[in-house]
C-alpha cells in the first residue's frame, strides 16, 4: 500500500525506526515520512538526521509538517522533501492553520513559488479555509492533502469541505484519508467507519483522487480494529462487504498515488 502520512519519525528513536520499517516493509510500496517540526528544537539537524536514517529504505520519502521553522528556503534543496505543509493547526509566518485565523502571507506565497520551482509538493492539510483558498488561487501545480477527513461526515475545521475537495481534484491533486477516530465518526471508530468515509468520497467524487494518509503515530485516537498496517485488511474486508471490488480497493490504497506521481513526472 501507499501511506501519505505516518508520524513514526517524530515519535520513535533510531533503533525503533529501523525495526519499525523492517517489520512493515512487506506492507508498503511507498511511505511518506513527515517530520513534525512544531514541537521540535534543532529542526534542520533533526530533519537531516531523519533523512539519513530512512535513505536505505527505498520506499520511504522524507516530508515536512509545518514550515514555520524555515529561515532559509535553500535548506529545502538539500533535504528535498516530497511535500511540505505551510503550518500545523496554528498560525505562523507563512499561513494560518485549521484552528487559527488569517490567510496566506507574503512569505507564504514566496515559499509556494520556491517549492513549485524545485518540485516540492505543497501539502494543504492543516490549513484553515482562508489559507487554503489563498493557496489554491496561486498554485500552478497539483497539491497534496496528505491526511484529512470530510466535513460532511464530521463537521470539524480539521476536515475539508466539498468545495475544497473539488478544488483539489480540479488541479489533479490527491487526498489522503486519515484514521483519526474523532474526525471520521461521531462514535467509537472502527474499520467500518473508514470504509464509510471512502464510500462517501467515491459516491460524490469518484475514487481516482483518493488515497490513504493514516496518521499512525500522529494520534492515539485510532479505530478499535485498525492500529497498524496488518489491520488494513479489516478495511479491505469492510469495503468488499459494501460491494467494492479488488481493483477499486487497490486504486485507493496504492495505484492512485502511483498515477499521481507519474503525472507529476510527466508535467514537471
C-alpha atoms as a PDB file:
ATOM      1  CA  UNK A   1       0.000   0.000   0.000  1.00  0.00           C
ATOM      2  CA  UNK A   2       0.876   3.696  -0.095  1.00  0.00           C
ATOM      3  CA  UNK A   3       0.586   5.793   3.056  1.00  0.00           C
ATOM      4  CA  UNK A   4       0.753   9.558   2.589  1.00  0.00           C
ATOM      5  CA  UNK A   5       1.279  10.372   6.280  1.00  0.00           C
ATOM      6  CA  UNK A   6       2.834   8.420   9.147  1.00  0.00           C
ATOM      7  CA  UNK A   7       4.494  10.301  12.031  1.00  0.00           C
ATOM      8  CA  UNK A   8       6.788   7.488  13.209  1.00  0.00           C
ATOM      9  CA  UNK A   9       9.948   9.546  12.560  1.00  0.00           C
ATOM     10  CA  UNK A  10       8.908  12.081  15.183  1.00  0.00           C
ATOM     11  CA  UNK A  11       7.847   9.516  17.792  1.00  0.00           C
ATOM     12  CA  UNK A  12      10.425   6.693  17.603  1.00  0.00           C
ATOM     13  CA  UNK A  13      14.159   6.597  18.337  1.00  0.00           C
ATOM     14  CA  UNK A  14      16.627   5.449  15.685  1.00  0.00           C
ATOM     15  CA  UNK A  15      16.778   1.810  16.775  1.00  0.00           C
ATOM     16  CA  UNK A  16      12.997   1.529  16.821  1.00  0.00           C
ATOM     17  CA  UNK A  17      12.679   3.324  13.466  1.00  0.00           C
ATOM     18  CA  UNK A  18      14.822   0.670  11.804  1.00  0.00           C
ATOM     19  CA  UNK A  19      12.850  -2.101  13.459  1.00  0.00           C
ATOM     20  CA  UNK A  20       9.545  -0.498  12.510  1.00  0.00           C
ATOM     21  CA  UNK A  21      10.490  -0.139   8.849  1.00  0.00           C
ATOM     22  CA  UNK A  22      11.885  -3.661   8.609  1.00  0.00           C
ATOM     23  CA  UNK A  23       8.701  -5.078  10.138  1.00  0.00           C
ATOM     24  CA  UNK A  24       6.397  -3.070   7.858  1.00  0.00           C
ATOM     25  CA  UNK A  25       8.330  -3.249   4.600  1.00  0.00           C
ATOM     26  CA  UNK A  26       6.123  -6.153   3.466  1.00  0.00           C
ATOM     27  CA  UNK A  27       3.005  -3.980   3.611  1.00  0.00           C
ATOM     28  CA  UNK A  28       4.314  -0.815   1.951  1.00  0.00           C
ATOM     29  CA  UNK A  29       5.125   0.228  -1.595  1.00  0.00           C
ATOM     30  CA  UNK A  30       5.555   3.863  -0.601  1.00  0.00           C
ATOM     31  CA  UNK A  31       5.603   5.614   2.780  1.00  0.00           C
ATOM     32  CA  UNK A  32       5.593   9.367   3.284  1.00  0.00           C
ATOM     33  CA  UNK A  33       7.621  10.146   6.397  1.00  0.00           C
ATOM     34  CA  UNK A  34       6.930  13.652   7.714  1.00  0.00           C
ATOM     35  CA  UNK A  35       8.945  15.337  10.424  1.00  0.00           C
ATOM     36  CA  UNK A  36       6.538  17.218  12.683  1.00  0.00           C
ATOM     37  CA  UNK A  37       8.553  20.360  13.422  1.00  0.00           C
ATOM     38  CA  UNK A  38       6.057  22.235  15.607  1.00  0.00           C
ATOM     39  CA  UNK A  39       7.316  20.623  18.811  1.00  0.00           C
ATOM     40  CA  UNK A  40      10.976  20.203  17.807  1.00  0.00           C
ATOM     41  CA  UNK A  41      14.179  22.042  18.588  1.00  0.00           C
ATOM     42  CA  UNK A  42      17.118  21.977  16.129  1.00  0.00           C
ATOM     43  CA  UNK A  43      14.659  21.323  13.315  1.00  0.00           C
ATOM     44  CA  UNK A  44      17.136  21.357  10.434  1.00  0.00           C
ATOM     45  CA  UNK A  45      19.523  18.932  12.155  1.00  0.00           C
ATOM     46  CA  UNK A  46      16.650  16.609  13.081  1.00  0.00           C
ATOM     47  CA  UNK A  47      15.331  16.570   9.525  1.00  0.00           C
ATOM     48  CA  UNK A  48      18.749  15.863   8.017  1.00  0.00           C
ATOM     49  CA  UNK A  49      19.386  13.054  10.504  1.00  0.00           C
ATOM     50  CA  UNK A  50      15.967  11.549   9.797  1.00  0.00           C
ATOM     51  CA  UNK A  51      16.629  11.571   6.077  1.00  0.00           C
ATOM     52  CA  UNK A  52      19.904   9.716   6.608  1.00  0.00           C
ATOM     53  CA  UNK A  53      18.093   7.057   8.607  1.00  0.00           C
ATOM     54  CA  UNK A  54      15.415   6.364   6.012  1.00  0.00           C
ATOM     55  CA  UNK A  55      17.624   6.687   2.916  1.00  0.00           C
ATOM     56  CA  UNK A  56      18.399   2.968   2.972  1.00  0.00           C
ATOM     57  CA  UNK A  57      14.696   2.173   2.652  1.00  0.00           C
ATOM     58  CA  UNK A  58      13.753   2.911  -0.943  1.00  0.00           C
ATOM     59  CA  UNK A  59      10.022   3.002  -0.176  1.00  0.00           C
ATOM     60  CA  UNK A  60      10.434   5.877   2.319  1.00  0.00           C
ATOM     61  CA  UNK A  61      10.264   9.574   1.420  1.00  0.00           C
ATOM     62  CA  UNK A  62      11.054  12.452   3.763  1.00  0.00           C
ATOM     63  CA  UNK A  63       8.399  15.173   4.183  1.00  0.00           C
ATOM     64  CA  UNK A  64       8.000  18.224   6.421  1.00  0.00           C
ATOM     65  CA  UNK A  65       4.939  19.012   8.536  1.00  0.00           C
ATOM     66  CA  UNK A  66       4.925  22.732   9.474  1.00  0.00           C
ATOM     67  CA  UNK A  67       7.353  25.007   7.627  1.00  0.00           C
ATOM     68  CA  UNK A  68       7.338  27.541  10.455  1.00  0.00           C
ATOM     69  CA  UNK A  69      10.983  26.878  11.401  1.00  0.00           C
ATOM     70  CA  UNK A  70      12.299  27.819   7.946  1.00  0.00           C
ATOM     71  CA  UNK A  71      14.536  30.869   7.720  1.00  0.00           C
ATOM     72  CA  UNK A  72      16.375  29.877   4.549  1.00  0.00           C
ATOM     73  CA  UNK A  73      14.425  28.246   1.717  1.00  0.00           C
ATOM     74  CA  UNK A  74      17.656  26.812   0.292  1.00  0.00           C
ATOM     75  CA  UNK A  75      17.594  24.243   3.108  1.00  0.00           C
ATOM     76  CA  UNK A  76      14.781  22.524   1.228  1.00  0.00           C
ATOM     77  CA  UNK A  77      17.022  21.930  -1.779  1.00  0.00           C
ATOM     78  CA  UNK A  78      19.451  19.994   0.431  1.00  0.00           C
ATOM     79  CA  UNK A  79      16.731  17.878   2.047  1.00  0.00           C
ATOM     80  CA  UNK A  80      14.390  17.642  -0.970  1.00  0.00           C
ATOM     81  CA  UNK A  81      11.185  16.687   0.874  1.00  0.00           C
ATOM     82  CA  UNK A  82       8.413  15.153  -1.205  1.00  0.00           C
ATOM     83  CA  UNK A  83       5.962  17.593   0.360  1.00  0.00           C
ATOM     84  CA  UNK A  84       5.883  20.381   2.892  1.00  0.00           C
ATOM     85  CA  UNK A  85       2.935  21.786   4.824  1.00  0.00           C
ATOM     86  CA  UNK A  86       2.981  25.535   5.407  1.00  0.00           C
ATOM     87  CA  UNK A  87       1.821  25.266   9.013  1.00  0.00           C
ATOM     88  CA  UNK A  88       0.165  22.961  11.532  1.00  0.00           C
ATOM     89  CA  UNK A  89      -3.067  23.925  13.327  1.00  0.00           C
ATOM     90  CA  UNK A  90      -1.538  27.205  14.485  1.00  0.00           C
ATOM     91  CA  UNK A  91      -0.624  30.429  12.694  1.00  0.00           C
ATOM     92  CA  UNK A  92       2.958  31.062  11.618  1.00  0.00           C
ATOM     93  CA  UNK A  93       4.781  33.462   9.284  1.00  0.00           C
ATOM     94  CA  UNK A  94       3.594  31.572   6.194  1.00  0.00           C
ATOM     95  CA  UNK A  95      -0.072  30.736   6.759  1.00  0.00           C
ATOM     96  CA  UNK A  96      -2.810  30.034   9.298  1.00  0.00           C
ATOM     97  CA  UNK A  97      -3.752  26.558  10.467  1.00  0.00           C
ATOM     98  CA  UNK A  98      -7.128  24.935  10.949  1.00  0.00           C
ATOM     99  CA  UNK A  99      -7.789  26.371  14.402  1.00  0.00           C
ATOM    100  CA  UNK A 100      -6.404  29.862  13.834  1.00  0.00           C
ATOM    101  CA  UNK A 101      -7.430  32.957  11.898  1.00  0.00           C
ATOM    102  CA  UNK A 102      -5.804  34.640   8.933  1.00  0.00           C
ATOM    103  CA  UNK A 103      -4.640  33.705   5.479  1.00  0.00           C
ATOM    104  CA  UNK A 104      -1.574  33.123   3.359  1.00  0.00           C
ATOM    105  CA  UNK A 105       1.178  35.699   3.983  1.00  0.00           C
ATOM    106  CA  UNK A 106       3.577  37.279   1.510  1.00  0.00           C
ATOM    107  CA  UNK A 107       6.282  34.945   2.814  1.00  0.00           C
ATOM    108  CA  UNK A 108       3.905  32.032   2.312  1.00  0.00           C
ATOM    109  CA  UNK A 109       3.422  32.993  -1.328  1.00  0.00           C
ATOM    110  CA  UNK A 110       7.179  33.151  -1.811  1.00  0.00           C
ATOM    111  CA  UNK A 111       7.592  29.722  -0.226  1.00  0.00           C
ATOM    112  CA  UNK A 112       4.963  28.202  -2.517  1.00  0.00           C
ATOM    113  CA  UNK A 113       6.656  29.611  -5.623  1.00  0.00           C
ATOM    114  CA  UNK A 114      10.028  28.353  -4.392  1.00  0.00           C
ATOM    115  CA  UNK A 115       8.653  24.859  -3.765  1.00  0.00           C
ATOM    116  CA  UNK A 116       6.906  24.657  -7.118  1.00  0.00           C
ATOM    117  CA  UNK A 117      10.089  25.729  -8.896  1.00  0.00           C
ATOM    118  CA  UNK A 118      12.021  22.995  -7.062  1.00  0.00           C
ATOM    119  CA  UNK A 119       9.408  20.248  -7.485  1.00  0.00           C
ATOM    120  CA  UNK A 120       8.336  20.080  -3.837  1.00  0.00           C
ATOM    121  CA  UNK A 121       4.636  19.423  -3.320  1.00  0.00           C
ATOM    122  CA  UNK A 122       2.538  21.744  -1.177  1.00  0.00           C
ATOM    123  CA  UNK A 123       0.546  19.866   1.457  1.00  0.00           C
ATOM    124  CA  UNK A 124      -2.698  21.723   2.192  1.00  0.00           C
ATOM    125  CA  UNK A 125      -3.642  19.562   5.188  1.00  0.00           C
ATOM    126  CA  UNK A 126      -3.979  21.613   8.400  1.00  0.00           C
ATOM    127  CA  UNK A 127      -4.681  24.918   6.606  1.00  0.00           C
ATOM    128  CA  UNK A 128      -7.722  26.932   7.607  1.00  0.00           C
ATOM    129  CA  UNK A 129     -10.236  27.808   4.903  1.00  0.00           C
ATOM    130  CA  UNK A 130      -8.831  31.236   4.074  1.00  0.00           C
ATOM    131  CA  UNK A 131      -5.253  29.986   3.777  1.00  0.00           C
ATOM    132  CA  UNK A 132      -6.409  27.011   1.718  1.00  0.00           C
ATOM    133  CA  UNK A 133      -8.249  29.140  -0.821  1.00  0.00           C
ATOM    134  CA  UNK A 134      -5.389  31.664  -0.891  1.00  0.00           C
ATOM    135  CA  UNK A 135      -3.051  28.800  -1.798  1.00  0.00           C
ATOM    136  CA  UNK A 136      -5.372  27.448  -4.456  1.00  0.00           C
ATOM    137  CA  UNK A 137      -5.536  30.862  -6.111  1.00  0.00           C
ATOM    138  CA  UNK A 138      -1.803  30.992  -6.784  1.00  0.00           C
ATOM    139  CA  UNK A 139      -0.615  27.394  -7.190  1.00  0.00           C
ATOM    140  CA  UNK A 140       0.320  26.258 -10.666  1.00  0.00           C
ATOM    141  CA  UNK A 141       0.866  22.557  -9.942  1.00  0.00           C
ATOM    142  CA  UNK A 142      -1.074  19.746  -8.237  1.00  0.00           C
ATOM    143  CA  UNK A 143      -1.278  19.766  -4.454  1.00  0.00           C
ATOM    144  CA  UNK A 144      -1.482  17.005  -1.899  1.00  0.00           C
ATOM    145  CA  UNK A 145      -3.749  16.912   1.141  1.00  0.00           C
ATOM    146  CA  UNK A 146      -1.821  14.253   2.991  1.00  0.00           C
ATOM    147  CA  UNK A 147      -4.164  13.406   5.854  1.00  0.00           C
ATOM    148  CA  UNK A 148      -7.690  14.663   6.371  1.00  0.00           C
ATOM    149  CA  UNK A 149     -11.352  13.749   6.712  1.00  0.00           C
ATOM    150  CA  UNK A 150     -14.577  15.157   5.327  1.00  0.00           C
ATOM    151  CA  UNK A 151     -16.807  17.826   6.823  1.00  0.00           C
ATOM    152  CA  UNK A 152     -19.941  16.093   5.558  1.00  0.00           C
ATOM    153  CA  UNK A 153     -19.056  13.153   7.838  1.00  0.00           C
ATOM    154  CA  UNK A 154     -17.703  15.084  10.844  1.00  0.00           C
ATOM    155  CA  UNK A 155     -18.008  18.856  10.671  1.00  0.00           C
ATOM    156  CA  UNK A 156     -14.676  19.947  12.107  1.00  0.00           C
ATOM    157  CA  UNK A 157     -12.266  22.641  10.934  1.00  0.00           C
ATOM    158  CA  UNK A 158      -9.547  19.993  10.597  1.00  0.00           C
ATOM    159  CA  UNK A 159     -11.579  18.242   7.876  1.00  0.00           C
ATOM    160  CA  UNK A 160     -12.212  19.521   4.350  1.00  0.00           C
ATOM    161  CA  UNK A 161     -15.432  20.609   2.660  1.00  0.00           C
ATOM    162  CA  UNK A 162     -16.914  19.571  -0.673  1.00  0.00           C
ATOM    163  CA  UNK A 163     -15.686  22.820  -2.163  1.00  0.00           C
ATOM    164  CA  UNK A 164     -12.125  22.115  -1.016  1.00  0.00           C
ATOM    165  CA  UNK A 165     -12.272  18.562  -2.348  1.00  0.00           C
ATOM    166  CA  UNK A 166     -13.430  19.840  -5.729  1.00  0.00           C
ATOM    167  CA  UNK A 167     -10.641  22.418  -5.827  1.00  0.00           C
ATOM    168  CA  UNK A 168      -8.013  19.748  -5.125  1.00  0.00           C
ATOM    169  CA  UNK A 169      -9.446  17.467  -7.801  1.00  0.00           C
ATOM    170  CA  UNK A 170      -9.574  20.351 -10.283  1.00  0.00           C
ATOM    171  CA  UNK A 171      -5.772  20.704 -10.074  1.00  0.00           C
ATOM    172  CA  UNK A 172      -5.253  16.922 -10.327  1.00  0.00           C
ATOM    173  CA  UNK A 173      -4.326  16.725  -6.655  1.00  0.00           C
ATOM    174  CA  UNK A 174      -4.636  13.795  -4.288  1.00  0.00           C
ATOM    175  CA  UNK A 175      -6.281  13.449  -0.869  1.00  0.00           C
ATOM    176  CA  UNK A 176      -5.225  11.086   1.923  1.00  0.00           C
ATOM    177  CA  UNK A 177      -7.918   9.864   4.319  1.00  0.00           C
ATOM    178  CA  UNK A 178      -6.700   9.616   7.893  1.00  0.00           C
ATOM    179  CA  UNK A 179      -7.760   7.153  10.593  1.00  0.00           C
ATOM    180  CA  UNK A 180      -8.264   9.644  13.452  1.00  0.00           C
ATOM    181  CA  UNK A 181     -11.400   8.411  15.193  1.00  0.00           C
ATOM    182  CA  UNK A 182     -12.994  11.718  16.220  1.00  0.00           C
ATOM    183  CA  UNK A 183     -12.644  13.093  12.683  1.00  0.00           C
ATOM    184  CA  UNK A 184     -14.155  10.129  10.824  1.00  0.00           C
ATOM    185  CA  UNK A 185     -17.170   9.305  13.011  1.00  0.00           C
ATOM    186  CA  UNK A 186     -19.156  10.629  15.955  1.00  0.00           C
ATOM    187  CA  UNK A 187     -18.883   7.417  17.960  1.00  0.00           C
ATOM    188  CA  UNK A 188     -16.224   4.803  18.601  1.00  0.00           C
ATOM    189  CA  UNK A 189     -14.395   4.372  15.305  1.00  0.00           C
ATOM    190  CA  UNK A 190     -13.814   1.081  13.504  1.00  0.00           C
ATOM    191  CA  UNK A 191     -12.724  -0.138  10.084  1.00  0.00           C
ATOM    192  CA  UNK A 192     -16.361   0.183   9.020  1.00  0.00           C
ATOM    193  CA  UNK A 193     -16.180   3.936   9.591  1.00  0.00           C
ATOM    194  CA  UNK A 194     -13.075   4.225   7.421  1.00  0.00           C
ATOM    195  CA  UNK A 195     -14.954   2.290   4.721  1.00  0.00           C
ATOM    196  CA  UNK A 196     -17.931   4.645   5.081  1.00  0.00           C
ATOM    197  CA  UNK A 197     -15.649   7.674   4.605  1.00  0.00           C
ATOM    198  CA  UNK A 198     -14.169   6.072   1.498  1.00  0.00           C
ATOM    199  CA  UNK A 199     -17.645   5.327   0.199  1.00  0.00           C
ATOM    200  CA  UNK A 200     -18.732   8.921   0.820  1.00  0.00           C
ATOM    201  CA  UNK A 201     -15.848  10.170  -1.285  1.00  0.00           C
ATOM    202  CA  UNK A 202     -16.420   7.584  -4.027  1.00  0.00           C
ATOM    203  CA  UNK A 203     -20.147   8.329  -4.283  1.00  0.00           C
ATOM    204  CA  UNK A 204     -19.579  12.082  -4.547  1.00  0.00           C
ATOM    205  CA  UNK A 205     -16.249  12.419  -6.371  1.00  0.00           C
ATOM    206  CA  UNK A 206     -15.241   9.028  -7.746  1.00  0.00           C
ATOM    207  CA  UNK A 207     -12.190   7.200  -6.454  1.00  0.00           C
ATOM    208  CA  UNK A 208      -9.365   8.495  -8.653  1.00  0.00           C
ATOM    209  CA  UNK A 209      -8.153  11.245  -6.315  1.00  0.00           C
ATOM    210  CA  UNK A 210      -8.445   9.386  -3.022  1.00  0.00           C
ATOM    211  CA  UNK A 211      -5.591   7.730  -1.136  1.00  0.00           C
ATOM    212  CA  UNK A 212      -4.679   6.840   2.451  1.00  0.00           C
ATOM    213  CA  UNK A 213      -2.836   9.098   4.921  1.00  0.00           C
ATOM    214  CA  UNK A 214      -3.190   7.021   8.076  1.00  0.00           C
ATOM    215  CA  UNK A 215      -1.677   9.433  10.629  1.00  0.00           C
ATOM    216  CA  UNK A 216      -0.235   6.461  12.505  1.00  0.00           C
ATOM    217  CA  UNK A 217       1.886   7.786  15.401  1.00  0.00           C
ATOM    218  CA  UNK A 218       0.212  11.173  14.982  1.00  0.00           C
ATOM    219  CA  UNK A 219      -2.794  10.225  17.105  1.00  0.00           C
ATOM    220  CA  UNK A 220      -3.805   7.915  19.937  1.00  0.00           C
ATOM    221  CA  UNK A 221      -7.390   8.004  18.687  1.00  0.00           C
ATOM    222  CA  UNK A 222      -7.243   5.138  16.181  1.00  0.00           C
ATOM    223  CA  UNK A 223     -10.173   2.871  15.241  1.00  0.00           C
ATOM    224  CA  UNK A 224     -10.620  -0.107  17.519  1.00  0.00           C
ATOM    225  CA  UNK A 225      -9.594  -2.613  14.830  1.00  0.00           C
ATOM    226  CA  UNK A 226      -7.078  -0.545  12.833  1.00  0.00           C
ATOM    227  CA  UNK A 227      -3.972   0.011  14.944  1.00  0.00           C
ATOM    228  CA  UNK A 228      -1.246  -0.874  12.405  1.00  0.00           C
ATOM    229  CA  UNK A 229      -0.640  -1.941   8.805  1.00  0.00           C
ATOM    230  CA  UNK A 230      -1.542  -5.540   9.500  1.00  0.00           C
ATOM    231  CA  UNK A 231      -5.056  -4.312  10.345  1.00  0.00           C
ATOM    232  CA  UNK A 232      -5.537  -2.670   6.928  1.00  0.00           C
ATOM    233  CA  UNK A 233      -7.062  -5.982   5.864  1.00  0.00           C
ATOM    234  CA  UNK A 234     -10.056  -5.114   8.061  1.00  0.00           C
ATOM    235  CA  UNK A 235     -10.742  -2.024   5.939  1.00  0.00           C
ATOM    236  CA  UNK A 236     -10.455  -4.080   2.748  1.00  0.00           C
ATOM    237  CA  UNK A 237     -12.967  -6.571   4.157  1.00  0.00           C
ATOM    238  CA  UNK A 238     -15.396  -3.791   5.110  1.00  0.00           C
ATOM    239  CA  UNK A 239     -15.166  -2.336   1.602  1.00  0.00           C
ATOM    240  CA  UNK A 240     -15.796  -5.713  -0.012  1.00  0.00           C
ATOM    241  CA  UNK A 241     -18.852  -6.099   2.189  1.00  0.00           C
ATOM    242  CA  UNK A 242     -20.066  -2.800   0.705  1.00  0.00           C
ATOM    243  CA  UNK A 243     -19.569  -4.086  -2.837  1.00  0.00           C
ATOM    244  CA  UNK A 244     -16.169  -2.671  -3.730  1.00  0.00           C
ATOM    245  CA  UNK A 245     -14.058  -4.865  -5.998  1.00  0.00           C
ATOM    246  CA  UNK A 246     -10.350  -5.517  -5.532  1.00  0.00           C
ATOM    247  CA  UNK A 247      -9.345  -3.193  -8.396  1.00  0.00           C
ATOM    248  CA  UNK A 248     -11.121  -0.251  -6.732  1.00  0.00           C
ATOM    249  CA  UNK A 249      -9.554  -1.039  -3.360  1.00  0.00           C
ATOM    250  CA  UNK A 250      -6.129  -1.286  -4.979  1.00  0.00           C
ATOM    251  CA  UNK A 251      -6.603   2.132  -6.573  1.00  0.00           C
ATOM    252  CA  UNK A 252      -7.413   3.801  -3.258  1.00  0.00           C
ATOM    253  CA  UNK A 253      -4.692   2.080  -1.259  1.00  0.00           C
ATOM    254  CA  UNK A 254      -1.919   2.215  -3.839  1.00  0.00           C
ATOM    255  CA  UNK A 255      -2.468   2.884  -7.524  1.00  0.00           C
ATOM    256  CA  UNK A 256      -3.975   6.382  -7.289  1.00  0.00           C
ATOM    257  CA  UNK A 257      -0.838   7.814  -5.738  1.00  0.00           C
ATOM    258  CA  UNK A 258       1.366   5.978  -8.228  1.00  0.00           C
ATOM    259  CA  UNK A 259      -0.619   7.523 -11.095  1.00  0.00           C
ATOM    260  CA  UNK A 260      -0.426  10.911  -9.378  1.00  0.00           C
ATOM    261  CA  UNK A 261       3.342  10.562  -9.101  1.00  0.00           C
ATOM    262  CA  UNK A 262       3.669   9.593 -12.754  1.00  0.00           C
ATOM    263  CA  UNK A 263       1.591  12.628 -13.706  1.00  0.00           C
ATOM    264  CA  UNK A 264       3.972  14.852 -11.734  1.00  0.00           C
ATOM    265  CA  UNK A 265       6.977  13.406 -13.553  1.00  0.00           C
ATOM    266  CA  UNK A 266       5.362  13.971 -16.927  1.00  0.00           C
ATOM    267  CA  UNK A 267       4.360  17.553 -16.181  1.00  0.00           C
ATOM    268  CA  UNK A 268       7.488  18.798 -14.354  1.00  0.00           C
END
